[in-house]
Amino acid sequence: MGKKTRGTPEINASSMADIAFLLLIFFLVTTEIAIDEGINVVLPPWTNEPPPPIETNNRNTLIVNLNARDQLQVEEELTDVRMLRDLTKQFINNNGVDPHQSDNPQVAVVSFKGDRGTSYDMYIQVYNELRGAYNDLRDEAAKRKFGKEFTELTDTTKINEIKDMYPIRISEAEPSEFGAGTK
């Protein structure tokens, strides 16, 4: 009698490619891709005409600088970021009372200049405080005038009236070179 030799058993792998393809599709469909939104800033529309010359009184410009060491300067004085919102509100809402601050909110400009070495976290903190100052002033004006916060207003006319009272005028200057310190 002869001995039967057995070969190694074969595994049917014909459907492996189909299974791998289905798993790939499943993971592509169910995976959420995180998208960083950044800072929402509305830019003016593009035009080929040169911009008109800017006529500003130095009194109407609040200079805010942030250096590479994350030190904040407001009008060339070192300032803590927690004080920035109140300083900005006081400057914008001066209405000509203090001769060293803005004439009125419509002409007040906040000039913000960061440094290439500034940390992203500190840049965002300063920017948030500047925007927060405008938001606070708009809320206060809306409460005085309409009895509601600015974000609660639904009438476009009222919203535009408050925006006209306190237009957001933050000028972001070109950052200086990396590593520049304070003057």
N, C-alpha and C. Protein backbone atom coordinates (compact mmCIF):
# COMPACT_ATOMS: atom_id res chain seq x y z
N MET A 1 0.81 -1.15 0.00
CA MET A 1 0.00 0.00 0.00
C MET A 1 0.87 1.23 0.00
N GLY A 2 0.37 2.10 -0.75
CA GLY A 2 1.13 3.33 -0.89
C GLY A 2 0.73 4.36 0.15
N LYS A 3 1.66 5.14 0.51
CA LYS A 3 1.42 6.18 1.49
C LYS A 3 0.97 7.44 0.77
N LYS A 4 -0.08 8.09 1.27
CA LYS A 4 -0.57 9.33 0.68
C LYS A 4 0.22 10.49 1.26
N THR A 5 0.66 11.34 0.40
CA THR A 5 1.35 12.53 0.88
C THR A 5 0.37 13.69 0.89
N ARG A 6 0.39 14.36 1.93
CA ARG A 6 -0.49 15.52 2.04
C ARG A 6 0.33 16.77 1.86
N GLY A 7 -0.19 17.69 1.08
CA GLY A 7 0.47 18.99 0.91
C GLY A 7 -0.05 19.96 1.97
N THR A 8 0.55 21.06 2.01
CA THR A 8 0.07 22.05 2.98
C THR A 8 -1.28 22.58 2.51
N PRO A 9 -2.19 22.75 3.43
CA PRO A 9 -3.51 23.21 3.03
C PRO A 9 -3.44 24.65 2.53
N GLU A 10 -4.20 24.97 1.55
CA GLU A 10 -4.23 26.32 0.98
C GLU A 10 -5.37 27.12 1.59
N ILE A 11 -5.11 28.39 1.79
CA ILE A 11 -6.14 29.29 2.31
C ILE A 11 -6.69 30.08 1.13
N ASN A 12 -7.98 30.08 1.04
CA ASN A 12 -8.62 30.81 -0.04
C ASN A 12 -8.58 32.30 0.29
N ALA A 13 -7.77 33.06 -0.44
CA ALA A 13 -7.59 34.50 -0.17
C ALA A 13 -8.22 35.35 -1.27
N SER A 14 -9.11 34.80 -2.00
CA SER A 14 -9.69 35.54 -3.12
C SER A 14 -10.54 36.73 -2.66
N SER A 15 -11.12 36.68 -1.47
CA SER A 15 -11.97 37.78 -1.03
C SER A 15 -11.22 38.76 -0.11
N MET A 16 -9.94 38.52 0.16
CA MET A 16 -9.17 39.41 1.04
C MET A 16 -9.08 40.82 0.47
N ALA A 17 -8.86 40.96 -0.80
CA ALA A 17 -8.76 42.28 -1.42
C ALA A 17 -10.08 43.02 -1.30
N ASP A 18 -11.19 42.31 -1.47
CA ASP A 18 -12.50 42.93 -1.33
C ASP A 18 -12.73 43.42 0.10
N ILE A 19 -12.35 42.62 1.07
CA ILE A 19 -12.53 42.99 2.47
C ILE A 19 -11.67 44.22 2.80
N ALA A 20 -10.42 44.21 2.37
CA ALA A 20 -9.52 45.35 2.63
C ALA A 20 -10.08 46.62 1.99
N PHE A 21 -10.60 46.52 0.78
CA PHE A 21 -11.16 47.66 0.08
C PHE A 21 -12.38 48.19 0.83
N LEU A 22 -13.26 47.31 1.30
CA LEU A 22 -14.43 47.73 2.05
C LEU A 22 -14.05 48.39 3.38
N LEU A 23 -13.05 47.86 4.06
CA LEU A 23 -12.59 48.50 5.30
C LEU A 23 -12.02 49.89 5.04
N LEU A 24 -11.27 50.02 3.96
CA LEU A 24 -10.72 51.32 3.60
C LEU A 24 -11.84 52.33 3.35
N ILE A 25 -12.83 51.95 2.60
CA ILE A 25 -13.97 52.83 2.32
C ILE A 25 -14.70 53.17 3.62
N PHE A 26 -14.90 52.19 4.49
CA PHE A 26 -15.57 52.42 5.77
C PHE A 26 -14.84 53.48 6.58
N PHE A 27 -13.51 53.35 6.72
CA PHE A 27 -12.74 54.31 7.52
C PHE A 27 -12.70 55.69 6.87
N LEU A 28 -12.65 55.76 5.56
CA LEU A 28 -12.68 57.06 4.89
C LEU A 28 -14.00 57.78 5.10
N VAL A 29 -15.09 57.03 5.08
CA VAL A 29 -16.42 57.63 5.21
C VAL A 29 -16.70 58.05 6.66
N THR A 30 -16.24 57.28 7.63
CA THR A 30 -16.60 57.55 9.03
C THR A 30 -15.63 58.45 9.76
N THR A 31 -14.46 58.73 9.20
CA THR A 31 -13.46 59.54 9.88
C THR A 31 -13.74 61.02 9.65
N GLU A 32 -13.71 61.79 10.74
CA GLU A 32 -13.86 63.24 10.63
C GLU A 32 -12.48 63.85 10.49
N ILE A 33 -12.37 64.80 9.59
CA ILE A 33 -11.11 65.49 9.39
C ILE A 33 -11.21 66.84 10.07
N ALA A 34 -10.34 67.09 11.03
CA ALA A 34 -10.35 68.35 11.76
C ALA A 34 -9.79 69.45 10.86
N ILE A 35 -10.52 70.55 10.79
CA ILE A 35 -10.09 71.68 9.97
C ILE A 35 -9.87 72.88 10.89
N ASP A 36 -8.65 73.40 10.91
CA ASP A 36 -8.36 74.60 11.68
C ASP A 36 -8.94 75.79 10.95
N GLU A 37 -9.73 76.58 11.67
CA GLU A 37 -10.38 77.71 11.03
C GLU A 37 -9.55 78.98 11.11
N GLY A 38 -8.74 79.15 12.12
CA GLY A 38 -7.96 80.36 12.24
C GLY A 38 -8.81 81.51 12.76
N ILE A 39 -8.39 82.72 12.45
CA ILE A 39 -9.08 83.92 12.90
C ILE A 39 -9.93 84.43 11.76
N ASN A 40 -11.21 84.66 12.02
CA ASN A 40 -12.10 85.19 11.00
C ASN A 40 -11.93 86.70 10.92
N VAL A 41 -11.43 87.16 9.79
CA VAL A 41 -11.25 88.58 9.56
C VAL A 41 -11.86 88.90 8.20
N VAL A 42 -12.69 89.93 8.16
CA VAL A 42 -13.31 90.34 6.90
C VAL A 42 -12.39 91.37 6.24
N LEU A 43 -11.92 91.04 5.06
CA LEU A 43 -11.05 91.94 4.32
C LEU A 43 -11.88 92.76 3.34
N PRO A 44 -11.42 93.96 3.01
CA PRO A 44 -12.16 94.76 2.03
C PRO A 44 -12.05 94.12 0.65
N PRO A 45 -13.00 94.42 -0.24
CA PRO A 45 -12.95 93.83 -1.58
C PRO A 45 -11.73 94.34 -2.35
N TRP A 46 -11.26 93.51 -3.28
CA TRP A 46 -10.09 93.85 -4.09
C TRP A 46 -10.45 94.92 -5.10
N THR A 47 -9.54 95.87 -5.30
CA THR A 47 -9.71 96.90 -6.30
C THR A 47 -8.35 97.23 -6.91
N ASN A 48 -8.35 97.65 -8.16
CA ASN A 48 -7.10 98.02 -8.82
C ASN A 48 -6.72 99.47 -8.55
N GLU A 49 -7.64 100.23 -7.99
CA GLU A 49 -7.38 101.63 -7.70
C GLU A 49 -6.48 101.73 -6.47
N PRO A 50 -5.54 102.67 -6.48
CA PRO A 50 -4.70 102.83 -5.29
C PRO A 50 -5.54 103.37 -4.13
N PRO A 51 -5.19 102.97 -2.93
CA PRO A 51 -5.99 103.42 -1.78
C PRO A 51 -5.80 104.93 -1.57
N PRO A 52 -6.82 105.57 -1.03
CA PRO A 52 -6.68 107.01 -0.75
C PRO A 52 -5.68 107.21 0.38
N PRO A 53 -5.04 108.36 0.42
CA PRO A 53 -4.09 108.60 1.52
C PRO A 53 -4.82 108.61 2.86
N ILE A 54 -4.20 108.03 3.83
CA ILE A 54 -4.80 107.95 5.15
C ILE A 54 -4.40 109.18 5.95
N GLU A 55 -5.40 109.88 6.41
CA GLU A 55 -5.15 111.05 7.23
C GLU A 55 -5.59 110.73 8.65
N THR A 56 -4.62 110.47 9.48
CA THR A 56 -4.95 110.19 10.87
C THR A 56 -4.17 111.11 11.78
N ASN A 57 -4.77 111.41 12.87
CA ASN A 57 -4.13 112.18 13.90
C ASN A 57 -3.48 111.16 14.83
N ASN A 58 -2.22 111.37 15.21
CA ASN A 58 -1.56 110.42 16.11
C ASN A 58 -2.37 110.19 17.37
N ARG A 59 -3.13 111.18 17.74
CA ARG A 59 -3.98 111.07 18.91
C ARG A 59 -5.03 109.98 18.73
N ASN A 60 -5.43 109.73 17.50
CA ASN A 60 -6.49 108.75 17.21
C ASN A 60 -5.96 107.35 16.95
N THR A 61 -4.68 107.12 17.18
CA THR A 61 -4.08 105.80 16.94
C THR A 61 -3.49 105.26 18.23
N LEU A 62 -3.99 104.10 18.65
CA LEU A 62 -3.44 103.40 19.81
C LEU A 62 -2.43 102.38 19.30
N ILE A 63 -1.18 102.52 19.70
CA ILE A 63 -0.10 101.65 19.24
C ILE A 63 0.06 100.48 20.22
N VAL A 64 -0.15 99.26 19.71
CA VAL A 64 -0.01 98.05 20.51
C VAL A 64 1.06 97.18 19.83
N ASN A 65 2.15 96.92 20.55
CA ASN A 65 3.25 96.11 20.03
C ASN A 65 3.43 94.87 20.88
N LEU A 66 3.79 93.78 20.22
CA LEU A 66 4.06 92.51 20.90
C LEU A 66 5.39 92.01 20.38
N ASN A 67 6.40 91.89 21.26
CA ASN A 67 7.73 91.53 20.78
C ASN A 67 7.96 90.02 20.82
N ALA A 68 9.16 89.61 20.46
CA ALA A 68 9.51 88.19 20.36
C ALA A 68 9.53 87.50 21.72
N ARG A 69 9.63 88.27 22.78
CA ARG A 69 9.62 87.69 24.13
C ARG A 69 8.23 87.71 24.74
N ASP A 70 7.21 87.93 23.88
CA ASP A 70 5.80 88.00 24.30
C ASP A 70 5.54 89.12 25.31
N GLN A 71 6.32 90.19 25.22
CA GLN A 71 6.09 91.35 26.05
C GLN A 71 5.18 92.31 25.30
N LEU A 72 4.16 92.79 25.97
CA LEU A 72 3.17 93.67 25.36
C LEU A 72 3.49 95.12 25.71
N GLN A 73 3.48 95.96 24.69
CA GLN A 73 3.67 97.39 24.88
C GLN A 73 2.45 98.11 24.33
N VAL A 74 1.89 99.00 25.13
CA VAL A 74 0.82 99.87 24.68
C VAL A 74 1.35 101.29 24.80
N GLU A 75 1.42 101.98 23.68
CA GLU A 75 1.99 103.33 23.65
C GLU A 75 3.37 103.35 24.30
N GLU A 76 4.21 102.37 23.95
CA GLU A 76 5.60 102.24 24.38
C GLU A 76 5.78 102.00 25.87
N GLU A 77 4.72 101.57 26.56
CA GLU A 77 4.83 101.21 27.96
C GLU A 77 4.50 99.73 28.11
N LEU A 78 5.33 98.98 28.83
CA LEU A 78 5.05 97.57 29.08
C LEU A 78 3.74 97.44 29.83
N THR A 79 2.89 96.56 29.35
CA THR A 79 1.54 96.41 29.89
C THR A 79 1.21 94.93 30.00
N ASP A 80 0.43 94.59 31.00
CA ASP A 80 -0.05 93.23 31.15
C ASP A 80 -1.24 93.03 30.21
N VAL A 81 -1.35 91.85 29.61
CA VAL A 81 -2.42 91.58 28.65
C VAL A 81 -3.80 91.70 29.30
N ARG A 82 -3.89 91.47 30.61
CA ARG A 82 -5.18 91.57 31.29
C ARG A 82 -5.69 93.02 31.37
N MET A 83 -4.80 93.99 31.21
CA MET A 83 -5.19 95.41 31.26
C MET A 83 -5.52 95.95 29.88
N LEU A 84 -5.20 95.19 28.84
CA LEU A 84 -5.34 95.68 27.47
C LEU A 84 -6.78 96.02 27.10
N ARG A 85 -7.72 95.19 27.47
CA ARG A 85 -9.12 95.43 27.10
C ARG A 85 -9.62 96.76 27.66
N ASP A 86 -9.35 97.01 28.95
CA ASP A 86 -9.81 98.26 29.55
C ASP A 86 -9.11 99.47 28.95
N LEU A 87 -7.81 99.36 28.70
CA LEU A 87 -7.08 100.46 28.07
C LEU A 87 -7.63 100.77 26.68
N THR A 88 -7.94 99.72 25.94
CA THR A 88 -8.47 99.90 24.58
C THR A 88 -9.86 100.53 24.62
N LYS A 89 -10.71 100.07 25.52
CA LYS A 89 -12.05 100.65 25.65
C LYS A 89 -11.97 102.12 26.04
N GLN A 90 -11.09 102.44 26.97
CA GLN A 90 -10.92 103.82 27.41
C GLN A 90 -10.45 104.69 26.25
N PHE A 91 -9.51 104.17 25.44
CA PHE A 91 -9.00 104.92 24.30
C PHE A 91 -10.10 105.16 23.25
N ILE A 92 -10.82 104.11 22.89
CA ILE A 92 -11.84 104.21 21.85
C ILE A 92 -12.98 105.13 22.28
N ASN A 93 -13.41 105.00 23.51
CA ASN A 93 -14.59 105.70 24.00
C ASN A 93 -14.25 107.03 24.67
N ASN A 94 -13.10 107.60 24.38
CA ASN A 94 -12.64 108.84 25.00
C ASN A 94 -13.51 110.04 24.63
N ASN A 95 -13.92 110.12 23.37
CA ASN A 95 -14.74 111.22 22.86
C ASN A 95 -14.13 112.60 23.13
N GLY A 96 -12.81 112.69 22.97
CA GLY A 96 -12.12 113.98 23.07
C GLY A 96 -11.88 114.48 24.46
N VAL A 97 -12.20 113.72 25.50
CA VAL A 97 -12.02 114.18 26.88
C VAL A 97 -10.53 114.31 27.21
N ASP A 98 -9.78 113.23 27.00
CA ASP A 98 -8.34 113.25 27.25
C ASP A 98 -7.64 113.65 25.95
N PRO A 99 -6.83 114.71 25.98
CA PRO A 99 -6.20 115.18 24.73
C PRO A 99 -5.17 114.20 24.15
N HIS A 100 -4.82 113.14 24.88
CA HIS A 100 -3.86 112.16 24.39
C HIS A 100 -4.54 110.91 23.84
N GLN A 101 -5.87 110.90 23.83
CA GLN A 101 -6.60 109.74 23.33
C GLN A 101 -7.54 110.16 22.22
N SER A 102 -8.28 109.21 21.66
CA SER A 102 -9.05 109.44 20.44
C SER A 102 -10.11 110.52 20.58
N ASP A 103 -10.42 111.13 19.43
CA ASP A 103 -11.48 112.14 19.36
C ASP A 103 -12.85 111.50 19.54
N ASN A 104 -13.08 110.36 18.87
CA ASN A 104 -14.34 109.63 18.99
C ASN A 104 -14.15 108.22 18.44
N PRO A 105 -15.09 107.30 18.70
CA PRO A 105 -14.92 105.91 18.27
C PRO A 105 -14.85 105.72 16.75
N GLN A 106 -15.44 106.63 15.97
CA GLN A 106 -15.43 106.48 14.52
C GLN A 106 -14.04 106.72 13.91
N VAL A 107 -13.20 107.48 14.59
CA VAL A 107 -11.86 107.75 14.05
C VAL A 107 -10.76 107.03 14.80
N ALA A 108 -11.10 106.35 15.89
CA ALA A 108 -10.09 105.63 16.68
C ALA A 108 -9.60 104.40 15.92
N VAL A 109 -8.29 104.25 15.86
CA VAL A 109 -7.66 103.11 15.19
C VAL A 109 -6.71 102.44 16.18
N VAL A 110 -6.78 101.12 16.26
CA VAL A 110 -5.85 100.36 17.08
C VAL A 110 -4.85 99.72 16.13
N SER A 111 -3.60 100.13 16.25
CA SER A 111 -2.53 99.58 15.40
C SER A 111 -1.82 98.48 16.18
N PHE A 112 -1.98 97.24 15.71
CA PHE A 112 -1.42 96.07 16.39
C PHE A 112 -0.29 95.51 15.56
N LYS A 113 0.88 95.43 16.17
CA LYS A 113 2.04 94.89 15.47
C LYS A 113 2.69 93.80 16.31
N GLY A 114 2.76 92.62 15.73
CA GLY A 114 3.42 91.51 16.38
C GLY A 114 4.83 91.36 15.85
N ASP A 115 5.56 90.43 16.41
CA ASP A 115 6.91 90.12 15.97
C ASP A 115 6.90 88.71 15.40
N ARG A 116 7.78 88.43 14.47
CA ARG A 116 7.82 87.08 13.88
C ARG A 116 8.12 86.02 14.94
N GLY A 117 8.71 86.41 16.04
CA GLY A 117 9.03 85.46 17.10
C GLY A 117 7.96 85.37 18.18
N THR A 118 6.90 86.13 18.05
CA THR A 118 5.81 86.10 19.03
C THR A 118 5.14 84.74 19.02
N SER A 119 4.81 84.24 20.21
CA SER A 119 4.13 82.95 20.26
C SER A 119 2.70 83.11 19.76
N TYR A 120 2.20 82.05 19.16
CA TYR A 120 0.84 82.07 18.62
C TYR A 120 -0.16 82.31 19.74
N ASP A 121 0.05 81.69 20.89
CA ASP A 121 -0.86 81.83 22.02
C ASP A 121 -0.96 83.29 22.47
N MET A 122 0.16 83.96 22.61
CA MET A 122 0.14 85.36 23.07
C MET A 122 -0.49 86.26 22.01
N TYR A 123 -0.20 86.00 20.74
CA TYR A 123 -0.79 86.79 19.67
C TYR A 123 -2.31 86.70 19.73
N ILE A 124 -2.84 85.49 19.90
CA ILE A 124 -4.28 85.28 19.98
C ILE A 124 -4.86 85.96 21.22
N GLN A 125 -4.16 85.89 22.35
CA GLN A 125 -4.64 86.55 23.57
C GLN A 125 -4.80 88.05 23.35
N VAL A 126 -3.79 88.67 22.75
CA VAL A 126 -3.84 90.12 22.52
C VAL A 126 -4.95 90.45 21.52
N TYR A 127 -5.03 89.69 20.45
CA TYR A 127 -6.06 89.94 19.43
C TYR A 127 -7.46 89.78 20.04
N ASN A 128 -7.64 88.76 20.87
CA ASN A 128 -8.93 88.55 21.53
C ASN A 128 -9.29 89.71 22.45
N GLU A 129 -8.31 90.25 23.16
CA GLU A 129 -8.58 91.38 24.05
C GLU A 129 -8.96 92.62 23.24
N LEU A 130 -8.32 92.84 22.11
CA LEU A 130 -8.66 93.99 21.26
C LEU A 130 -10.07 93.85 20.71
N ARG A 131 -10.39 92.67 20.18
CA ARG A 131 -11.75 92.44 19.67
C ARG A 131 -12.78 92.48 20.81
N GLY A 132 -12.38 91.96 21.96
CA GLY A 132 -13.27 91.97 23.12
C GLY A 132 -13.61 93.39 23.57
N ALA A 133 -12.67 94.31 23.45
CA ALA A 133 -12.94 95.70 23.82
C ALA A 133 -14.04 96.27 22.93
N TYR A 134 -13.95 96.02 21.63
CA TYR A 134 -15.00 96.49 20.72
C TYR A 134 -16.34 95.81 21.02
N ASN A 135 -16.30 94.51 21.28
CA ASN A 135 -17.54 93.78 21.60
C ASN A 135 -18.19 94.31 22.87
N ASP A 136 -17.37 94.61 23.89
CA ASP A 136 -17.91 95.17 25.13
C ASP A 136 -18.57 96.53 24.89
N LEU A 137 -17.89 97.38 24.12
CA LEU A 137 -18.45 98.71 23.83
C LEU A 137 -19.75 98.59 23.04
N ARG A 138 -19.80 97.66 22.11
CA ARG A 138 -21.03 97.45 21.34
C ARG A 138 -22.15 96.92 22.23
N ASP A 139 -21.83 96.02 23.14
CA ASP A 139 -22.84 95.50 24.07
C ASP A 139 -23.38 96.62 24.96
N GLU A 140 -22.48 97.43 25.50
CA GLU A 140 -22.90 98.54 26.37
C GLU A 140 -23.80 99.51 25.61
N ALA A 141 -23.44 99.84 24.38
CA ALA A 141 -24.24 100.77 23.58
C ALA A 141 -25.61 100.17 23.26
N ALA A 142 -25.64 98.89 22.94
CA ALA A 142 -26.91 98.23 22.62
C ALA A 142 -27.81 98.17 23.85
N LYS A 143 -27.23 97.93 25.02
CA LYS A 143 -28.02 97.89 26.25
C LYS A 143 -28.61 99.27 26.56
N ARG A 144 -27.78 100.32 26.40
CA ARG A 144 -28.27 101.68 26.65
C ARG A 144 -29.38 102.06 25.68
N LYS A 145 -29.20 101.72 24.43
CA LYS A 145 -30.11 102.19 23.38
C LYS A 145 -31.34 101.30 23.20
N PHE A 146 -31.13 99.97 23.27
CA PHE A 146 -32.22 99.04 22.95
C PHE A 146 -32.58 98.08 24.07
N GLY A 147 -31.84 98.11 25.17
CA GLY A 147 -32.14 97.23 26.29
C GLY A 147 -31.71 95.79 26.09
N LYS A 148 -30.90 95.52 25.08
CA LYS A 148 -30.41 94.17 24.80
C LYS A 148 -28.92 94.23 24.50
N GLU A 149 -28.26 93.06 24.67
CA GLU A 149 -26.86 92.98 24.25
C GLU A 149 -26.79 92.99 22.73
N PHE A 150 -25.65 93.36 22.22
CA PHE A 150 -25.47 93.46 20.77
C PHE A 150 -25.74 92.14 20.07
N THR A 151 -25.29 91.03 20.68
CA THR A 151 -25.47 89.72 20.06
C THR A 151 -26.92 89.26 20.06
N GLU A 152 -27.77 89.89 20.89
CA GLU A 152 -29.18 89.53 20.94
C GLU A 152 -30.03 90.31 19.94
N LEU A 153 -29.46 91.34 19.33
CA LEU A 153 -30.21 92.15 18.37
C LEU A 153 -30.49 91.35 17.10
N THR A 154 -31.70 91.49 16.57
CA THR A 154 -32.05 90.78 15.33
C THR A 154 -32.39 91.74 14.20
N ASP A 155 -32.73 92.97 14.54
CA ASP A 155 -33.08 93.97 13.52
C ASP A 155 -31.79 94.49 12.88
N THR A 156 -31.68 94.36 11.58
CA THR A 156 -30.48 94.77 10.85
C THR A 156 -30.20 96.25 11.02
N THR A 157 -31.23 97.06 11.06
CA THR A 157 -31.05 98.50 11.22
C THR A 157 -30.39 98.81 12.56
N LYS A 158 -30.84 98.16 13.62
CA LYS A 158 -30.26 98.37 14.95
C LYS A 158 -28.82 97.87 15.01
N ILE A 159 -28.59 96.72 14.39
CA ILE A 159 -27.23 96.15 14.37
C ILE A 159 -26.28 97.11 13.66
N ASN A 160 -26.69 97.61 12.51
CA ASN A 160 -25.84 98.54 11.75
C ASN A 160 -25.63 99.85 12.49
N GLU A 161 -26.64 100.29 13.23
CA GLU A 161 -26.51 101.53 14.00
C GLU A 161 -25.41 101.38 15.06
N ILE A 162 -25.41 100.24 15.74
CA ILE A 162 -24.38 100.00 16.76
C ILE A 162 -23.01 99.83 16.10
N LYS A 163 -22.97 99.13 14.97
CA LYS A 163 -21.69 98.96 14.25
C LYS A 163 -21.14 100.31 13.79
N ASP A 164 -22.03 101.21 13.40
CA ASP A 164 -21.59 102.54 12.99
C ASP A 164 -21.07 103.36 14.17
N MET A 165 -21.66 103.13 15.34
CA MET A 165 -21.20 103.82 16.54
C MET A 165 -19.79 103.38 16.93
N TYR A 166 -19.54 102.07 16.80
CA TYR A 166 -18.26 101.49 17.19
C TYR A 166 -17.73 100.59 16.07
N PRO A 167 -17.21 101.20 14.99
CA PRO A 167 -16.65 100.37 13.92
C PRO A 167 -15.34 99.74 14.39
N ILE A 168 -15.16 98.48 14.07
CA ILE A 168 -13.93 97.79 14.46
C ILE A 168 -12.82 98.22 13.51
N ARG A 169 -11.86 98.92 14.07
CA ARG A 169 -10.75 99.45 13.27
C ARG A 169 -9.45 99.01 13.91
N ILE A 170 -9.08 97.75 13.62
CA ILE A 170 -7.82 97.20 14.11
C ILE A 170 -6.91 97.06 12.90
N SER A 171 -5.80 97.77 12.93
CA SER A 171 -4.83 97.71 11.84
C SER A 171 -3.70 96.77 12.27
N GLU A 172 -3.47 95.74 11.47
CA GLU A 172 -2.37 94.83 11.78
C GLU A 172 -1.18 95.18 10.91
N ALA A 173 -0.13 95.63 11.55
CA ALA A 173 1.08 96.03 10.84
C ALA A 173 1.93 94.80 10.52
N GLU A 174 2.78 94.95 9.53
CA GLU A 174 3.69 93.88 9.12
C GLU A 174 4.61 93.53 10.30
N PRO A 175 4.74 92.23 10.62
CA PRO A 175 5.61 91.86 11.76
C PRO A 175 7.05 92.25 11.51
N SER A 176 7.76 92.53 12.59
CA SER A 176 9.18 92.85 12.47
C SER A 176 9.98 91.56 12.41
N GLU A 177 11.26 91.68 12.27
CA GLU A 177 12.12 90.52 12.13
C GLU A 177 12.14 89.67 13.39
N PHE A 178 12.43 88.40 13.21
CA PHE A 178 12.49 87.43 14.31
C PHE A 178 13.54 87.86 15.33
N GLY A 179 13.14 87.78 16.59
CA GLY A 179 14.09 88.03 17.68
C GLY A 179 14.22 89.46 18.09
N ALA A 180 13.49 90.37 17.47
CA ALA A 180 13.60 91.77 17.87
C ALA A 180 13.04 91.94 19.26
N GLY A 181 13.71 92.68 20.07
CA GLY A 181 13.26 92.89 21.44
C GLY A 181 12.57 94.23 21.58
N THR A 182 12.46 94.68 22.80
CA THR A 182 11.82 95.95 23.05
C THR A 182 12.83 97.06 22.82
N LYS A 183 12.32 98.24 22.57
CA LYS A 183 13.22 99.41 22.38
C LYS A 183 13.62 99.96 23.70
